[in-house]
Amino acid sequence: MKPNQHNTQTQWAAQFAVASELCKRGYEVAFTSGQNTPFADLMIISPKTKTMFLVDVKGLRKQNSWMVKKKARRRKLFYILAYVPSGEPNRFFIMTQQQATREIQAQLKRLKRSKDYPVPGFLWTTGKKYENQWSALPK
């Protein structure tokens, strides 16, 4: 298997895992179409208030750092980090855009990197405090 093939498969597995989990929780889920929606992978409608929001999915199959780029502030953008290992249960880490931005900035500061560092993100352990924080999403 080619190196990038693993990354593509992991991202697809993560997107489908997140979509499945959201559907189980009563959310309506639609996949976005690549370059037409560069901000997010999923468009979601909440089950109770029918609020529409976007989710950017980041997937890992090994416990590496989460590669998350800072994006321009956007209302109702959330991140769901999906750990989709082979032979183990999936794990989900749910963050608001503000939380993700704060974690990216803290990591850049810790590493003494500039704000335009080309490979931003944060450590695996940083994401753990957001595990199963489904309550961060609109109801």
Protein backbone atom coordinates (compact mmCIF):
# COMPACT_ATOMS: atom_id res chain seq x y z
CA MET A 1 0.00 0.00 0.00
CA LYS A 2 1.25 3.47 -0.88
CA PRO A 3 1.95 5.83 2.06
CA ASN A 4 -0.78 8.34 1.11
CA GLN A 5 -3.26 5.49 0.64
CA HIS A 6 -3.20 4.89 4.42
CA ASN A 7 -3.96 8.59 5.03
CA THR A 8 -6.87 8.58 2.57
CA GLN A 9 -8.32 5.37 4.00
CA THR A 10 -7.96 6.67 7.55
CA GLN A 11 -9.73 9.92 6.68
CA TRP A 12 -12.59 8.09 4.96
CA ALA A 13 -12.91 5.68 7.88
CA ALA A 14 -12.96 8.62 10.29
CA GLN A 15 -15.61 10.54 8.33
CA PHE A 16 -17.90 7.52 8.10
CA ALA A 17 -17.35 6.65 11.77
CA VAL A 18 -18.24 10.20 12.83
CA ALA A 19 -21.28 10.27 10.54
CA SER A 20 -22.45 6.94 11.95
CA GLU A 21 -22.03 8.07 15.55
CA LEU A 22 -23.90 11.32 14.90
CA CYS A 23 -26.76 9.44 13.19
CA LYS A 24 -27.03 7.13 16.19
CA ARG A 25 -27.42 10.24 18.33
CA GLY A 26 -30.30 11.55 16.20
CA TYR A 27 -28.43 14.09 14.06
CA GLU A 28 -29.07 14.41 10.32
CA VAL A 29 -25.78 14.13 8.43
CA ALA A 30 -24.70 15.10 4.92
CA PHE A 31 -21.24 14.73 3.43
CA THR A 32 -19.86 17.86 1.78
CA SER A 33 -18.39 17.88 -1.70
CA GLY A 34 -14.64 18.34 -1.53
CA GLN A 35 -13.48 21.73 -2.80
CA ASN A 36 -16.95 23.29 -2.64
CA THR A 37 -16.82 23.26 1.17
CA PRO A 38 -13.18 23.53 2.23
CA PHE A 39 -14.14 24.38 5.81
CA ALA A 40 -15.79 21.11 6.73
CA ASP A 41 -16.41 17.48 5.87
CA LEU A 42 -19.96 17.18 7.20
CA MET A 43 -23.08 19.34 7.35
CA ILE A 44 -25.22 18.47 10.35
CA ILE A 45 -28.72 19.28 11.56
CA SER A 46 -29.28 18.87 15.29
CA PRO A 47 -32.13 16.60 16.43
CA LYS A 48 -34.02 18.98 18.76
CA THR A 49 -33.43 22.58 17.69
CA LYS A 50 -32.84 21.76 13.99
CA THR A 51 -29.71 23.93 14.09
CA MET A 52 -27.42 23.50 11.08
CA PHE A 53 -23.69 23.34 11.78
CA LEU A 54 -20.47 22.13 10.17
CA VAL A 55 -18.02 19.48 11.32
CA ASP A 56 -14.42 19.17 10.21
CA VAL A 57 -13.27 15.58 10.79
CA LYS A 58 -9.66 14.70 11.53
CA GLY A 59 -8.75 11.02 11.59
CA LEU A 60 -5.91 8.98 13.04
CA ARG A 61 -5.27 5.26 13.03
CA LYS A 62 -2.29 5.51 15.41
CA GLN A 63 -1.80 7.72 18.46
CA ASN A 64 0.12 10.46 16.66
CA SER A 65 -0.30 14.21 16.88
CA TRP A 66 -3.53 15.68 15.53
CA MET A 67 -2.79 17.77 12.43
CA VAL A 68 -5.30 20.60 12.60
CA LYS A 69 -4.88 23.87 10.74
CA LYS A 70 -6.24 27.09 12.17
CA LYS A 71 -9.13 28.37 10.07
CA ALA A 72 -10.79 31.72 9.80
CA ARG A 73 -13.44 32.07 12.48
CA ARG A 74 -16.73 30.63 11.34
CA ARG A 75 -19.98 30.40 13.25
CA LYS A 76 -21.05 26.89 14.15
CA LEU A 77 -17.89 25.06 13.06
CA PHE A 78 -16.87 22.09 15.20
CA TYR A 79 -14.05 19.57 15.03
CA ILE A 80 -14.48 15.89 15.67
CA LEU A 81 -11.20 14.05 15.96
CA ALA A 82 -11.71 10.37 15.26
CA TYR A 83 -9.28 7.68 16.34
CA VAL A 84 -10.05 4.73 14.06
CA PRO A 85 -7.49 2.00 14.83
CA SER A 86 -7.59 -1.50 13.38
CA GLY A 87 -8.83 -4.06 15.87
CA GLU A 88 -9.85 -1.56 18.56
CA PRO A 89 -12.99 0.51 19.20
CA ASN A 90 -13.23 3.95 17.63
CA ARG A 91 -12.78 6.96 19.90
CA PHE A 92 -14.12 10.47 19.37
CA PHE A 93 -12.89 13.86 20.59
CA ILE A 94 -15.28 16.77 20.09
CA MET A 95 -14.12 20.39 20.06
CA THR A 96 -15.52 23.79 19.26
CA GLN A 97 -13.58 25.85 16.77
CA GLN A 98 -12.49 28.14 19.61
CA GLN A 99 -11.09 25.20 21.60
CA ALA A 100 -9.22 23.85 18.57
CA THR A 101 -7.74 27.29 17.82
CA ARG A 102 -6.65 27.70 21.44
CA GLU A 103 -4.94 24.28 21.43
CA ILE A 104 -3.17 25.00 18.12
CA GLN A 105 -1.90 28.34 19.44
CA ALA A 106 -0.71 26.78 22.70
CA GLN A 107 1.21 24.11 20.79
CA LEU A 108 2.84 26.67 18.49
CA LYS A 109 3.86 28.71 21.51
CA ARG A 110 5.19 25.63 23.34
CA LEU A 111 7.30 24.68 20.30
CA LYS A 112 8.33 28.31 19.67
CA ARG A 113 6.90 28.17 16.15
CA SER A 114 5.51 31.08 14.14
CA LYS A 115 1.76 31.44 13.60
CA ASP A 116 2.23 30.52 9.94
CA TYR A 117 4.02 27.24 10.73
CA PRO A 118 2.99 24.88 7.88
CA VAL A 119 2.16 21.80 10.00
CA PRO A 120 0.08 22.99 12.96
CA GLY A 121 -1.87 20.84 15.36
CA PHE A 122 -1.45 19.45 18.84
CA LEU A 123 -0.43 16.34 20.72
CA TRP A 124 -2.54 13.19 21.01
CA THR A 125 -2.70 13.72 24.77
CA THR A 126 -4.07 17.24 24.31
CA GLY A 127 -7.09 15.87 22.48
CA LYS A 128 -7.88 13.37 25.24
CA LYS A 129 -9.61 15.96 27.42
CA TYR A 130 -12.24 16.37 24.69
CA GLU A 131 -13.08 12.67 24.48
CA ASN A 132 -16.81 12.01 24.17
CA GLN A 133 -17.67 15.68 24.68
CA TRP A 134 -20.80 15.29 22.54
CA SER A 135 -22.52 17.95 24.66
CA ALA A 136 -20.37 20.58 22.89
CA LEU A 137 -22.54 20.13 19.77
CA PRO A 138 -25.88 21.87 19.27
CA LYS A 139 -28.81 19.84 20.63
